[in-house]
Amino acid sequence: MADESTSGLKATALRAASGEPGGARMPSALRSVLLGLLGLLLAGAGYLIAVRGEALILDLGALSQRIFCF
């Protein structure tokens, strides 16, 4: 029984990898939008670390003291 289920999964994975119809693929437009948003988020995080890095670290320290004050 396990052989039948794994062979079906392998066939589905091969179809998806080869780009044949029937495979679960993300549309290229959606993929590019998601990658763009992820890049924008990472660029914003990099900017904040570069410009406000020390202040962010101090704020996180103060926040952790308030959270763990027991």
PDB file of N, CA and C in Angstrom:
ATOM      1  N   MET A   1       0.823  -1.191   0.000  1.00  0.00           N
ATOM      2  CA  MET A   1       0.000   0.000   0.000  1.00  0.00           C
ATOM      3  C   MET A   1       0.864   1.250   0.000  1.00  0.00           C
ATOM      4  N   ALA A   2       1.969   1.225   0.741  1.00  0.00           N
ATOM      5  CA  ALA A   2       2.843   2.386   0.802  1.00  0.00           C
ATOM      6  C   ALA A   2       3.513   2.645  -0.537  1.00  0.00           C
ATOM      7  N   ASP A   3       3.761   1.573  -1.299  1.00  0.00           N
ATOM      8  CA  ASP A   3       4.400   1.739  -2.592  1.00  0.00           C
ATOM      9  C   ASP A   3       3.495   2.476  -3.560  1.00  0.00           C
ATOM     10  N   GLU A   4       2.181   2.192  -3.496  1.00  0.00           N
ATOM     11  CA  GLU A   4       1.248   2.872  -4.391  1.00  0.00           C
ATOM     12  C   GLU A   4       1.169   4.356  -4.081  1.00  0.00           C
ATOM     13  N   SER A   5       1.148   4.721  -2.806  1.00  0.00           N
ATOM     14  CA  SER A   5       1.028   6.135  -2.455  1.00  0.00           C
ATOM     15  C   SER A   5       2.310   6.890  -2.779  1.00  0.00           C
ATOM     16  N   THR A   6       3.464   6.287  -2.569  1.00  0.00           N
ATOM     17  CA  THR A   6       4.714   6.981  -2.888  1.00  0.00           C
ATOM     18  C   THR A   6       4.920   7.076  -4.385  1.00  0.00           C
ATOM     19  N   SER A   7       4.477   6.076  -5.149  1.00  0.00           N
ATOM     20  CA  SER A   7       4.630   6.167  -6.601  1.00  0.00           C
ATOM     21  C   SER A   7       3.728   7.263  -7.157  1.00  0.00           C
ATOM     22  N   GLY A   8       2.543   7.434  -6.559  1.00  0.00           N
ATOM     23  CA  GLY A   8       1.662   8.522  -6.986  1.00  0.00           C
ATOM     24  C   GLY A   8       2.252   9.882  -6.661  1.00  0.00           C
ATOM     25  N   LEU A   9       2.884   9.989  -5.504  1.00  0.00           N
ATOM     26  CA  LEU A   9       3.526  11.245  -5.133  1.00  0.00           C
ATOM     27  C   LEU A   9       4.709  11.542  -6.038  1.00  0.00           C
ATOM     28  N   LYS A  10       5.455  10.499  -6.390  1.00  0.00           N
ATOM     29  CA  LYS A  10       6.602  10.701  -7.280  1.00  0.00           C
ATOM     30  C   LYS A  10       6.143  11.164  -8.648  1.00  0.00           C
ATOM     31  N   ALA A  11       5.064  10.582  -9.157  1.00  0.00           N
ATOM     32  CA  ALA A  11       4.547  10.978 -10.467  1.00  0.00           C
ATOM     33  C   ALA A  11       4.074  12.424 -10.445  1.00  0.00           C
ATOM     34  N   THR A  12       3.399  12.827  -9.371  1.00  0.00           N
ATOM     35  CA  THR A  12       2.940  14.216  -9.250  1.00  0.00           C
ATOM     36  C   THR A  12       4.120  15.172  -9.163  1.00  0.00           C
ATOM     37  N   ALA A  13       5.151  14.799  -8.410  1.00  0.00           N
ATOM     38  CA  ALA A  13       6.333  15.649  -8.287  1.00  0.00           C
ATOM     39  C   ALA A  13       7.055  15.764  -9.612  1.00  0.00           C
ATOM     40  N   LEU A  14       7.128  14.676 -10.367  1.00  0.00           N
ATOM     41  CA  LEU A  14       7.789  14.731 -11.671  1.00  0.00           C
ATOM     42  C   LEU A  14       7.009  15.605 -12.646  1.00  0.00           C
ATOM     43  N   ARG A  15       5.681  15.508 -12.614  1.00  0.00           N
ATOM     44  CA  ARG A  15       4.873  16.373 -13.483  1.00  0.00           C
ATOM     45  C   ARG A  15       5.068  17.838 -13.123  1.00  0.00           C
ATOM     46  N   ALA A  16       5.095  18.149 -11.831  1.00  0.00           N
ATOM     47  CA  ALA A  16       5.253  19.531 -11.388  1.00  0.00           C
ATOM     48  C   ALA A  16       6.629  20.055 -11.766  1.00  0.00           C
ATOM     49  N   ALA A  17       7.653  19.214 -11.644  1.00  0.00           N
ATOM     50  CA  ALA A  17       9.003  19.645 -11.963  1.00  0.00           C
ATOM     51  C   ALA A  17       9.202  19.836 -13.459  1.00  0.00           C
ATOM     52  N   SER A  18       8.509  19.048 -14.270  1.00  0.00           N
ATOM     53  CA  SER A  18       8.710  19.134 -15.708  1.00  0.00           C
ATOM     54  C   SER A  18       7.868  20.226 -16.336  1.00  0.00           C
ATOM     55  N   GLY A  19       6.921  20.780 -15.610  1.00  0.00           N
ATOM     56  CA  GLY A  19       6.091  21.859 -16.145  1.00  0.00           C
ATOM     57  C   GLY A  19       4.909  21.352 -16.948  1.00  0.00           C
ATOM     58  N   GLU A  20       4.628  20.061 -16.891  1.00  0.00           N
ATOM     59  CA  GLU A  20       3.494  19.507 -17.605  1.00  0.00           C
ATOM     60  C   GLU A  20       2.196  19.953 -16.935  1.00  0.00           C
ATOM     61  N   PRO A  21       1.118  20.017 -17.710  1.00  0.00           N
ATOM     62  CA  PRO A  21      -0.178  20.344 -17.099  1.00  0.00           C
ATOM     63  C   PRO A  21      -0.557  19.304 -16.061  1.00  0.00           C
ATOM     64  N   GLY A  22      -1.217  19.732 -15.036  1.00  0.00           N
ATOM     65  CA  GLY A  22      -1.617  18.827 -13.969  1.00  0.00           C
ATOM     66  C   GLY A  22      -0.738  18.951 -12.749  1.00  0.00           C
ATOM     67  N   GLY A  23       0.415  19.561 -12.897  1.00  0.00           N
ATOM     68  CA  GLY A  23       1.297  19.766 -11.752  1.00  0.00           C
ATOM     69  C   GLY A  23       0.895  21.032 -11.023  1.00  0.00           C
ATOM     70  N   ALA A  24       1.161  21.094  -9.743  1.00  0.00           N
ATOM     71  CA  ALA A  24       0.825  22.269  -8.949  1.00  0.00           C
ATOM     72  C   ALA A  24       1.942  23.290  -9.099  1.00  0.00           C
ATOM     73  N   ARG A  25       1.727  24.325  -9.902  1.00  0.00           N
ATOM     74  CA  ARG A  25       2.729  25.358 -10.136  1.00  0.00           C
ATOM     75  C   ARG A  25       2.127  26.719  -9.803  1.00  0.00           C
ATOM     76  N   MET A  26       2.952  27.604  -9.293  1.00  0.00           N
ATOM     77  CA  MET A  26       2.514  28.960  -8.999  1.00  0.00           C
ATOM     78  C   MET A  26       2.623  29.783 -10.287  1.00  0.00           C
ATOM     79  N   PRO A  27       1.605  30.580 -10.616  1.00  0.00           N
ATOM     80  CA  PRO A  27       1.709  31.422 -11.809  1.00  0.00           C
ATOM     81  C   PRO A  27       2.901  32.372 -11.704  1.00  0.00           C
ATOM     82  N   SER A  28       3.536  32.638 -12.830  1.00  0.00           N
ATOM     83  CA  SER A  28       4.760  33.447 -12.810  1.00  0.00           C
ATOM     84  C   SER A  28       4.487  34.875 -12.354  1.00  0.00           C
ATOM     85  N   ALA A  29       3.323  35.417 -12.675  1.00  0.00           N
ATOM     86  CA  ALA A  29       3.006  36.784 -12.246  1.00  0.00           C
ATOM     87  C   ALA A  29       2.890  36.850 -10.720  1.00  0.00           C
ATOM     88  N   LEU A  30       2.231  35.869 -10.131  1.00  0.00           N
ATOM     89  CA  LEU A  30       2.091  35.836  -8.674  1.00  0.00           C
ATOM     90  C   LEU A  30       3.446  35.623  -8.011  1.00  0.00           C
ATOM     91  N   ARG A  31       4.257  34.746  -8.597  1.00  0.00           N
ATOM     92  CA  ARG A  31       5.589  34.493  -8.038  1.00  0.00           C
ATOM     93  C   ARG A  31       6.438  35.758  -8.077  1.00  0.00           C
ATOM     94  N   SER A  32       6.379  36.510  -9.176  1.00  0.00           N
ATOM     95  CA  SER A  32       7.179  37.727  -9.253  1.00  0.00           C
ATOM     96  C   SER A  32       6.680  38.795  -8.283  1.00  0.00           C
ATOM     97  N   VAL A  33       5.377  38.882  -8.074  1.00  0.00           N
ATOM     98  CA  VAL A  33       4.836  39.836  -7.103  1.00  0.00           C
ATOM     99  C   VAL A  33       5.276  39.471  -5.692  1.00  0.00           C
ATOM    100  N   LEU A  34       5.191  38.186  -5.357  1.00  0.00           N
ATOM    101  CA  LEU A  34       5.600  37.751  -4.017  1.00  0.00           C
ATOM    102  C   LEU A  34       7.092  37.953  -3.796  1.00  0.00           C
ATOM    103  N   LEU A  35       7.909  37.671  -4.806  1.00  0.00           N
ATOM    104  CA  LEU A  35       9.345  37.900  -4.671  1.00  0.00           C
ATOM    105  C   LEU A  35       9.658  39.388  -4.557  1.00  0.00           C
ATOM    106  N   GLY A  36       8.914  40.219  -5.263  1.00  0.00           N
ATOM    107  CA  GLY A  36       9.089  41.663  -5.149  1.00  0.00           C
ATOM    108  C   GLY A  36       8.744  42.175  -3.758  1.00  0.00           C
ATOM    109  N   LEU A  37       7.635  41.681  -3.211  1.00  0.00           N
ATOM    110  CA  LEU A  37       7.250  42.083  -1.857  1.00  0.00           C
ATOM    111  C   LEU A  37       8.263  41.608  -0.821  1.00  0.00           C
ATOM    112  N   LEU A  38       8.763  40.398  -0.989  1.00  0.00           N
ATOM    113  CA  LEU A  38       9.773  39.888  -0.071  1.00  0.00           C
ATOM    114  C   LEU A  38      11.059  40.706  -0.167  1.00  0.00           C
ATOM    115  N   GLY A  39      11.451  41.066  -1.381  1.00  0.00           N
ATOM    116  CA  GLY A  39      12.634  41.910  -1.557  1.00  0.00           C
ATOM    117  C   GLY A  39      12.449  43.284  -0.936  1.00  0.00           C
ATOM    118  N   LEU A  40      11.256  43.853  -1.090  1.00  0.00           N
ATOM    119  CA  LEU A  40      10.972  45.161  -0.493  1.00  0.00           C
ATOM    120  C   LEU A  40      11.003  45.085   1.032  1.00  0.00           C
ATOM    121  N   LEU A  41      10.468  44.013   1.587  1.00  0.00           N
ATOM    122  CA  LEU A  41      10.496  43.830   3.036  1.00  0.00           C
ATOM    123  C   LEU A  41      11.925  43.685   3.542  1.00  0.00           C
ATOM    124  N   LEU A  42      12.735  42.909   2.853  1.00  0.00           N
ATOM    125  CA  LEU A  42      14.126  42.731   3.266  1.00  0.00           C
ATOM    126  C   LEU A  42      14.929  44.020   3.093  1.00  0.00           C
ATOM    127  N   ALA A  43      14.646  44.772   2.035  1.00  0.00           N
ATOM    128  CA  ALA A  43      15.339  46.050   1.842  1.00  0.00           C
ATOM    129  C   ALA A  43      14.974  47.031   2.952  1.00  0.00           C
ATOM    130  N   GLY A  44      13.704  47.056   3.354  1.00  0.00           N
ATOM    131  CA  GLY A  44      13.279  47.915   4.452  1.00  0.00           C
ATOM    132  C   GLY A  44      13.929  47.521   5.766  1.00  0.00           C
ATOM    133  N   ALA A  45      14.033  46.217   6.002  1.00  0.00           N
ATOM    134  CA  ALA A  45      14.688  45.746   7.223  1.00  0.00           C
ATOM    135  C   ALA A  45      16.163  46.108   7.207  1.00  0.00           C
ATOM    136  N   GLY A  46      16.814  45.950   6.064  1.00  0.00           N
ATOM    137  CA  GLY A  46      18.227  46.323   5.944  1.00  0.00           C
ATOM    138  C   GLY A  46      18.436  47.809   6.165  1.00  0.00           C
ATOM    139  N   TYR A  47      17.525  48.629   5.636  1.00  0.00           N
ATOM    140  CA  TYR A  47      17.623  50.076   5.832  1.00  0.00           C
ATOM    141  C   TYR A  47      17.480  50.431   7.313  1.00  0.00           C
ATOM    142  N   LEU A  48      16.488  49.834   7.974  1.00  0.00           N
ATOM    143  CA  LEU A  48      16.297  50.134   9.391  1.00  0.00           C
ATOM    144  C   LEU A  48      17.486  49.704  10.221  1.00  0.00           C
ATOM    145  N   ILE A  49      18.077  48.570   9.903  1.00  0.00           N
ATOM    146  CA  ILE A  49      19.253  48.114  10.647  1.00  0.00           C
ATOM    147  C   ILE A  49      20.429  49.038  10.396  1.00  0.00           C
ATOM    148  N   ALA A  50      20.594  49.482   9.150  1.00  0.00           N
ATOM    149  CA  ALA A  50      21.726  50.354   8.818  1.00  0.00           C
ATOM    150  C   ALA A  50      21.588  51.732   9.464  1.00  0.00           C
ATOM    151  N   VAL A  51      20.373  52.282   9.458  1.00  0.00           N
ATOM    152  CA  VAL A  51      20.180  53.654   9.938  1.00  0.00           C
ATOM    153  C   VAL A  51      19.922  53.702  11.440  1.00  0.00           C
ATOM    154  N   ARG A  52      19.115  52.771  11.938  1.00  0.00           N
ATOM    155  CA  ARG A  52      18.690  52.832  13.333  1.00  0.00           C
ATOM    156  C   ARG A  52      19.125  51.607  14.119  1.00  0.00           C
ATOM    157  N   GLY A  53      20.178  50.947  13.706  1.00  0.00           N
ATOM    158  CA  GLY A  53      20.581  49.680  14.288  1.00  0.00           C
ATOM    159  C   GLY A  53      20.757  49.702  15.786  1.00  0.00           C
ATOM    160  N   GLU A  54      21.550  50.643  16.286  1.00  0.00           N
ATOM    161  CA  GLU A  54      21.813  50.686  17.719  1.00  0.00           C
ATOM    162  C   GLU A  54      20.549  51.020  18.511  1.00  0.00           C
ATOM    163  N   ALA A  55      19.741  51.933  17.995  1.00  0.00           N
ATOM    164  CA  ALA A  55      18.504  52.287  18.689  1.00  0.00           C
ATOM    165  C   ALA A  55      17.530  51.108  18.718  1.00  0.00           C
ATOM    166  N   LEU A  56      17.497  50.334  17.634  1.00  0.00           N
ATOM    167  CA  LEU A  56      16.621  49.155  17.620  1.00  0.00           C
ATOM    168  C   LEU A  56      17.065  48.135  18.656  1.00  0.00           C
ATOM    169  N   ILE A  57      18.360  47.950  18.788  1.00  0.00           N
ATOM    170  CA  ILE A  57      18.882  46.994  19.769  1.00  0.00           C
ATOM    171  C   ILE A  57      18.543  47.470  21.184  1.00  0.00           C
ATOM    172  N   LEU A  58      18.688  48.763  21.446  1.00  0.00           N
ATOM    173  CA  LEU A  58      18.362  49.291  22.770  1.00  0.00           C
ATOM    174  C   LEU A  58      16.870  49.162  23.055  1.00  0.00           C
ATOM    175  N   ASP A  59      16.043  49.432  22.029  1.00  0.00           N
ATOM    176  CA  ASP A  59      14.594  49.294  22.214  1.00  0.00           C
ATOM    177  C   ASP A  59      14.212  47.849  22.499  1.00  0.00           C
ATOM    178  N   LEU A  60      14.852  46.910  21.822  1.00  0.00           N
ATOM    179  CA  LEU A  60      14.559  45.501  22.078  1.00  0.00           C
ATOM    180  C   LEU A  60      14.981  45.109  23.487  1.00  0.00           C
ATOM    181  N   GLY A  61      16.087  45.670  23.953  1.00  0.00           N
ATOM    182  CA  GLY A  61      16.528  45.393  25.329  1.00  0.00           C
ATOM    183  C   GLY A  61      15.531  45.931  26.338  1.00  0.00           C
ATOM    184  N   ALA A  62      15.039  47.143  26.113  1.00  0.00           N
ATOM    185  CA  ALA A  62      14.064  47.717  27.032  1.00  0.00           C
ATOM    186  C   ALA A  62      12.746  46.947  26.991  1.00  0.00           C
ATOM    187  N   LEU A  63      12.351  46.509  25.794  1.00  0.00           N
ATOM    188  CA  LEU A  63      11.128  45.748  25.673  1.00  0.00           C
ATOM    189  C   LEU A  63      11.229  44.404  26.388  1.00  0.00           C
ATOM    190  N   SER A  64      12.370  43.762  26.261  1.00  0.00           N
ATOM    191  CA  SER A  64      12.520  42.458  26.921  1.00  0.00           C
ATOM    192  C   SER A  64      12.541  42.606  28.439  1.00  0.00           C
ATOM    193  N   GLN A  65      13.046  43.741  28.950  1.00  0.00           N
ATOM    194  CA  GLN A  65      13.012  43.954  30.399  1.00  0.00           C
ATOM    195  C   GLN A  65      11.580  44.145  30.887  1.00  0.00           C
ATOM    196  N   ARG A  66      10.753  44.784  30.062  1.00  0.00           N
ATOM    197  CA  ARG A  66       9.341  44.970  30.454  1.00  0.00           C
ATOM    198  C   ARG A  66       8.551  43.679  30.375  1.00  0.00           C
ATOM    199  N   ILE A  67       8.868  42.871  29.388  1.00  0.00           N
ATOM    200  CA  ILE A  67       8.135  41.617  29.216  1.00  0.00           C
ATOM    201  C   ILE A  67       8.494  40.630  30.319  1.00  0.00           C
ATOM    202  N   PHE A  68       9.776  40.511  30.601  1.00  0.00           N
ATOM    203  CA  PHE A  68      10.260  39.508  31.566  1.00  0.00           C
ATOM    204  C   PHE A  68      10.563  40.162  32.929  1.00  0.00           C
ATOM    205  N   CYS A  69       9.609  40.875  33.465  1.00  0.00           N
ATOM    206  CA  CYS A  69       9.847  41.591  34.726  1.00  0.00           C
ATOM    207  C   CYS A  69       9.335  40.801  35.923  1.00  0.00           C
ATOM    208  N   PHE A  70       9.233  39.506  35.863  1.00  0.00           N
ATOM    209  CA  PHE A  70       8.720  38.741  36.990  1.00  0.00           C
ATOM    210  C   PHE A  70       9.813  38.165  37.810  1.00  0.00           C
TER     211      PHE A  70
END
